[in-house]
């Protein structure tokens, strides 16, 4: 459960203004556990990726940042896929003509 929370909420308290993780030595035990769980979440995400996808997100510090980037990538491609499917369906429907009394006839 902690890993999904890290992916959803991120680890803002462990990242400095430059986007880097705070030094591990200066973290409290709770912060270290959060950092370790972030590393686990990052690892799980990375294991599921192709080399191309991995190259896009491997430098990101937080699992949330990786997840959000991948979600945007796939949401965009999913939208394109849905539009293509609708276009295909529409062009298929265009090839049918309804002649009174004869029903649908395909050309």
N, C-alpha and C. Protein backbone atom coordinates (compact mmCIF):
# COMPACT_ATOMS: atom_id res chain seq x y z
N UNK A 1 0.82 -1.20 0.00
CA UNK A 1 0.00 0.00 0.00
C UNK A 1 0.86 1.25 0.00
N UNK A 2 1.99 1.20 0.69
CA UNK A 2 2.86 2.37 0.73
C UNK A 2 3.40 2.71 -0.65
N UNK A 3 3.70 1.69 -1.46
CA UNK A 3 4.26 1.95 -2.78
C UNK A 3 3.28 2.69 -3.67
N UNK A 4 2.02 2.29 -3.64
CA UNK A 4 1.03 2.98 -4.48
C UNK A 4 0.84 4.41 -4.00
N UNK A 5 0.93 4.65 -2.71
CA UNK A 5 0.83 6.02 -2.20
C UNK A 5 2.00 6.87 -2.68
N UNK A 6 3.17 6.29 -2.73
CA UNK A 6 4.34 7.02 -3.22
C UNK A 6 4.17 7.33 -4.70
N UNK A 7 3.64 6.39 -5.47
CA UNK A 7 3.42 6.63 -6.90
C UNK A 7 2.35 7.71 -7.09
N UNK A 8 1.29 7.67 -6.29
CA UNK A 8 0.22 8.66 -6.43
C UNK A 8 0.59 10.03 -5.89
N UNK A 9 1.26 10.07 -4.74
CA UNK A 9 1.49 11.34 -4.04
C UNK A 9 2.90 11.88 -4.19
N UNK A 10 3.85 11.05 -4.57
CA UNK A 10 5.23 11.49 -4.70
C UNK A 10 5.95 11.58 -3.37
N UNK A 11 7.13 12.18 -3.40
CA UNK A 11 7.97 12.32 -2.21
C UNK A 11 8.50 13.75 -2.10
N UNK A 12 7.63 14.73 -2.09
CA UNK A 12 8.09 16.12 -2.15
C UNK A 12 8.99 16.54 -1.00
N UNK A 13 8.82 15.97 0.18
CA UNK A 13 9.65 16.39 1.33
C UNK A 13 11.08 15.87 1.23
N UNK A 14 11.34 14.94 0.33
CA UNK A 14 12.68 14.37 0.19
C UNK A 14 13.45 14.93 -0.99
N UNK A 15 12.85 15.86 -1.72
CA UNK A 15 13.49 16.42 -2.91
C UNK A 15 13.78 17.89 -2.67
N UNK A 16 15.02 18.29 -2.94
CA UNK A 16 15.37 19.70 -2.74
C UNK A 16 14.91 20.55 -3.94
N UNK A 17 15.22 21.84 -3.90
CA UNK A 17 14.76 22.77 -4.93
C UNK A 17 15.33 22.47 -6.31
N UNK A 18 16.48 21.81 -6.35
CA UNK A 18 17.09 21.47 -7.65
C UNK A 18 16.54 20.16 -8.22
N UNK A 19 15.62 19.50 -7.48
CA UNK A 19 15.02 18.26 -7.96
C UNK A 19 15.80 17.02 -7.57
N UNK A 20 16.80 17.17 -6.73
CA UNK A 20 17.61 16.03 -6.28
C UNK A 20 17.14 15.54 -4.91
N UNK A 21 17.39 14.27 -4.65
CA UNK A 21 17.07 13.71 -3.33
C UNK A 21 17.98 14.33 -2.27
N UNK A 22 17.43 14.53 -1.09
CA UNK A 22 18.25 14.98 0.04
C UNK A 22 19.28 13.90 0.35
N UNK A 23 20.41 14.26 0.95
CA UNK A 23 21.40 13.24 1.32
C UNK A 23 20.79 12.21 2.28
N UNK A 24 21.02 10.95 1.99
CA UNK A 24 20.44 9.86 2.77
C UNK A 24 20.83 9.97 4.25
N UNK A 25 22.06 10.40 4.52
CA UNK A 25 22.56 10.50 5.89
C UNK A 25 21.78 11.52 6.72
N UNK A 26 21.25 12.55 6.08
CA UNK A 26 20.54 13.60 6.83
C UNK A 26 19.04 13.30 7.01
N UNK A 27 18.58 12.18 6.48
CA UNK A 27 17.16 11.83 6.58
C UNK A 27 16.84 11.17 7.91
N UNK A 28 15.61 11.37 8.35
CA UNK A 28 15.12 10.63 9.52
C UNK A 28 14.83 9.19 9.11
N UNK A 29 14.59 8.32 10.06
CA UNK A 29 14.26 6.93 9.73
C UNK A 29 13.01 6.83 8.86
N UNK A 30 12.01 7.67 9.17
CA UNK A 30 10.77 7.67 8.38
C UNK A 30 11.07 8.11 6.93
N UNK A 31 11.88 9.14 6.77
CA UNK A 31 12.23 9.62 5.44
C UNK A 31 13.04 8.57 4.67
N UNK A 32 13.91 7.86 5.38
CA UNK A 32 14.69 6.80 4.74
C UNK A 32 13.78 5.70 4.23
N UNK A 33 12.77 5.35 5.04
CA UNK A 33 11.81 4.31 4.62
C UNK A 33 11.04 4.76 3.38
N UNK A 34 10.64 6.03 3.37
CA UNK A 34 9.94 6.58 2.21
C UNK A 34 10.85 6.53 0.98
N UNK A 35 12.09 6.91 1.17
CA UNK A 35 13.07 6.89 0.08
C UNK A 35 13.28 5.47 -0.45
N UNK A 36 13.36 4.51 0.45
CA UNK A 36 13.54 3.12 0.05
C UNK A 36 12.31 2.60 -0.70
N UNK A 37 11.13 2.99 -0.23
CA UNK A 37 9.90 2.57 -0.92
C UNK A 37 9.79 3.24 -2.29
N UNK A 38 10.27 4.47 -2.41
CA UNK A 38 10.30 5.13 -3.72
C UNK A 38 11.22 4.35 -4.67
N UNK A 39 12.37 3.92 -4.15
CA UNK A 39 13.30 3.13 -4.97
C UNK A 39 12.65 1.82 -5.41
N UNK A 40 11.91 1.18 -4.52
CA UNK A 40 11.20 -0.06 -4.87
C UNK A 40 10.16 0.20 -5.95
N UNK A 41 9.40 1.28 -5.79
CA UNK A 41 8.36 1.62 -6.78
C UNK A 41 9.00 1.92 -8.14
N UNK A 42 10.11 2.67 -8.13
CA UNK A 42 10.82 2.97 -9.37
C UNK A 42 11.28 1.66 -10.04
N UNK A 43 11.81 0.75 -9.24
CA UNK A 43 12.30 -0.53 -9.76
C UNK A 43 11.15 -1.33 -10.39
N UNK A 44 10.03 -1.38 -9.73
CA UNK A 44 8.88 -2.11 -10.26
C UNK A 44 8.45 -1.52 -11.60
N UNK A 45 8.38 -0.19 -11.66
CA UNK A 45 7.99 0.48 -12.91
C UNK A 45 9.02 0.16 -14.00
N UNK A 46 10.30 0.29 -13.68
CA UNK A 46 11.36 0.07 -14.67
C UNK A 46 11.33 -1.36 -15.22
N UNK A 47 11.02 -2.32 -14.38
CA UNK A 47 10.98 -3.73 -14.81
C UNK A 47 9.89 -3.98 -15.85
N UNK A 48 8.88 -3.14 -15.86
CA UNK A 48 7.76 -3.34 -16.77
C UNK A 48 7.93 -2.61 -18.10
N UNK A 49 9.03 -1.88 -18.27
CA UNK A 49 9.20 -1.02 -19.44
C UNK A 49 10.10 -1.62 -20.50
N UNK A 50 9.85 -1.21 -21.74
CA UNK A 50 10.78 -1.54 -22.82
C UNK A 50 11.99 -0.62 -22.70
N UNK A 51 13.03 -0.90 -23.45
CA UNK A 51 14.23 -0.05 -23.41
C UNK A 51 13.91 1.38 -23.84
N UNK A 52 13.06 1.51 -24.83
CA UNK A 52 12.68 2.84 -25.32
C UNK A 52 11.95 3.65 -24.24
N UNK A 53 11.00 3.01 -23.58
CA UNK A 53 10.27 3.69 -22.51
C UNK A 53 11.20 4.00 -21.34
N UNK A 54 12.08 3.05 -21.03
CA UNK A 54 12.99 3.21 -19.91
C UNK A 54 13.90 4.42 -20.13
N UNK A 55 14.32 4.62 -21.37
CA UNK A 55 15.23 5.74 -21.66
C UNK A 55 14.55 7.09 -21.40
N UNK A 56 13.24 7.12 -21.43
CA UNK A 56 12.50 8.37 -21.19
C UNK A 56 12.41 8.72 -19.71
N UNK A 57 12.42 7.72 -18.84
CA UNK A 57 12.12 7.97 -17.43
C UNK A 57 13.20 7.56 -16.44
N UNK A 58 14.26 6.91 -16.89
CA UNK A 58 15.23 6.36 -15.93
C UNK A 58 15.95 7.42 -15.11
N UNK A 59 16.04 8.65 -15.58
CA UNK A 59 16.75 9.70 -14.84
C UNK A 59 15.85 10.41 -13.82
N UNK A 60 14.58 10.11 -13.83
CA UNK A 60 13.66 10.78 -12.91
C UNK A 60 13.84 10.25 -11.50
N UNK A 61 13.76 11.16 -10.52
CA UNK A 61 14.03 10.82 -9.13
C UNK A 61 12.87 10.09 -8.47
N UNK A 62 11.65 10.54 -8.74
CA UNK A 62 10.51 9.96 -8.03
C UNK A 62 9.70 9.02 -8.92
N UNK A 63 9.15 8.00 -8.29
CA UNK A 63 8.28 7.06 -8.99
C UNK A 63 7.06 7.78 -9.53
N UNK A 64 6.58 8.78 -8.81
CA UNK A 64 5.41 9.55 -9.26
C UNK A 64 5.71 10.27 -10.57
N UNK A 65 6.87 10.89 -10.65
CA UNK A 65 7.25 11.59 -11.87
C UNK A 65 7.33 10.61 -13.05
N UNK A 66 7.89 9.43 -12.80
CA UNK A 66 7.96 8.40 -13.84
C UNK A 66 6.55 7.99 -14.27
N UNK A 67 5.71 7.71 -13.29
CA UNK A 67 4.35 7.25 -13.56
C UNK A 67 3.56 8.30 -14.34
N UNK A 68 3.65 9.56 -13.91
CA UNK A 68 2.92 10.63 -14.57
C UNK A 68 3.38 10.81 -16.02
N UNK A 69 4.68 10.70 -16.25
CA UNK A 69 5.21 10.82 -17.61
C UNK A 69 4.70 9.69 -18.49
N UNK A 70 4.74 8.48 -17.98
CA UNK A 70 4.25 7.33 -18.74
C UNK A 70 2.74 7.43 -18.98
N UNK A 71 2.01 7.89 -17.97
CA UNK A 71 0.56 8.03 -18.12
C UNK A 71 0.23 9.02 -19.24
N UNK A 72 0.93 10.13 -19.28
CA UNK A 72 0.70 11.11 -20.35
C UNK A 72 1.00 10.51 -21.72
N UNK A 73 2.08 9.77 -21.80
CA UNK A 73 2.45 9.14 -23.06
C UNK A 73 1.36 8.20 -23.54
N UNK A 74 0.88 7.36 -22.64
CA UNK A 74 -0.11 6.37 -23.04
C UNK A 74 -1.51 6.94 -23.16
N UNK A 75 -1.84 7.96 -22.41
CA UNK A 75 -3.14 8.61 -22.58
C UNK A 75 -3.22 9.22 -23.97
N UNK A 76 -2.14 9.89 -24.39
CA UNK A 76 -2.11 10.48 -25.72
C UNK A 76 -2.26 9.41 -26.79
N UNK A 77 -1.52 8.31 -26.66
CA UNK A 77 -1.60 7.27 -27.68
C UNK A 77 -2.96 6.57 -27.63
N UNK A 78 -3.55 6.47 -26.44
CA UNK A 78 -4.87 5.86 -26.32
C UNK A 78 -5.91 6.73 -27.01
N UNK A 79 -5.80 8.05 -26.84
CA UNK A 79 -6.73 8.96 -27.50
C UNK A 79 -6.60 8.86 -29.01
N UNK A 80 -5.38 8.81 -29.50
CA UNK A 80 -5.15 8.67 -30.94
C UNK A 80 -5.75 7.36 -31.43
N UNK A 81 -5.53 6.30 -30.67
CA UNK A 81 -6.06 4.99 -31.04
C UNK A 81 -7.59 5.02 -31.09
N UNK A 82 -8.23 5.66 -30.10
CA UNK A 82 -9.68 5.76 -30.08
C UNK A 82 -10.20 6.56 -31.28
N UNK A 83 -9.51 7.65 -31.62
CA UNK A 83 -9.91 8.46 -32.78
C UNK A 83 -9.80 7.66 -34.07
N UNK A 84 -8.71 6.89 -34.20
CA UNK A 84 -8.53 6.06 -35.39
C UNK A 84 -9.63 5.01 -35.48
N UNK A 85 -9.99 4.43 -34.34
CA UNK A 85 -11.05 3.43 -34.31
C UNK A 85 -12.38 4.04 -34.72
N UNK A 86 -12.68 5.24 -34.21
CA UNK A 86 -13.92 5.93 -34.59
C UNK A 86 -13.93 6.26 -36.07
N UNK A 87 -12.77 6.72 -36.59
CA UNK A 87 -12.67 7.05 -38.00
C UNK A 87 -12.91 5.81 -38.86
N UNK A 88 -12.31 4.70 -38.45
CA UNK A 88 -12.47 3.44 -39.18
C UNK A 88 -13.94 3.00 -39.16
N UNK A 89 -14.56 3.09 -37.99
CA UNK A 89 -15.96 2.70 -37.85
C UNK A 89 -16.85 3.59 -38.72
N UNK A 90 -16.57 4.90 -38.71
CA UNK A 90 -17.37 5.82 -39.51
C UNK A 90 -17.22 5.53 -41.00
N UNK A 91 -16.01 5.27 -41.46
CA UNK A 91 -15.82 4.99 -42.89
C UNK A 91 -16.47 3.67 -43.27
N UNK A 92 -16.50 2.70 -42.35
CA UNK A 92 -17.21 1.45 -42.62
C UNK A 92 -18.71 1.69 -42.74
N UNK A 93 -19.24 2.54 -41.85
CA UNK A 93 -20.67 2.85 -41.89
C UNK A 93 -21.03 3.62 -43.15
N UNK A 94 -20.10 4.45 -43.64
CA UNK A 94 -20.35 5.22 -44.86
C UNK A 94 -20.53 4.31 -46.06
N UNK A 95 -19.92 3.13 -46.03
CA UNK A 95 -19.98 2.24 -47.18
C UNK A 95 -21.33 1.49 -47.26
N UNK A 96 -22.22 1.75 -46.30
CA UNK A 96 -23.55 1.15 -46.33
C UNK A 96 -24.57 2.21 -46.73
N UNK A 97 -25.52 1.80 -47.54
CA UNK A 97 -26.59 2.70 -47.95
C UNK A 97 -27.91 2.02 -47.62
N UNK A 98 -28.84 2.78 -47.08
CA UNK A 98 -30.14 2.23 -46.75
C UNK A 98 -31.10 2.56 -47.88
N UNK A 99 -31.51 1.55 -48.59
CA UNK A 99 -32.50 1.74 -49.65
C UNK A 99 -33.84 1.29 -49.10
N UNK A 100 -34.84 2.16 -49.23
CA UNK A 100 -36.14 1.85 -48.66
C UNK A 100 -36.61 0.49 -49.10
N UNK A 101 -36.98 -0.31 -48.12
CA UNK A 101 -37.52 -1.63 -48.39
C UNK A 101 -36.45 -2.70 -48.62
N UNK A 102 -35.21 -2.30 -48.86
CA UNK A 102 -34.17 -3.28 -49.14
C UNK A 102 -33.17 -3.42 -48.00
N UNK A 103 -33.23 -2.56 -46.99
CA UNK A 103 -32.30 -2.64 -45.87
C UNK A 103 -30.94 -2.06 -46.27
N UNK A 104 -29.96 -2.42 -45.50
CA UNK A 104 -28.61 -1.92 -45.75
C UNK A 104 -27.90 -2.71 -46.82
N UNK A 105 -27.28 -2.02 -47.72
CA UNK A 105 -26.53 -2.65 -48.80
C UNK A 105 -25.10 -2.09 -48.74
N UNK A 106 -24.12 -2.98 -48.79
CA UNK A 106 -22.72 -2.53 -48.73
C UNK A 106 -22.18 -2.41 -50.15
N UNK A 107 -21.41 -1.33 -50.36
CA UNK A 107 -20.75 -1.12 -51.67
C UNK A 107 -19.33 -1.57 -51.61
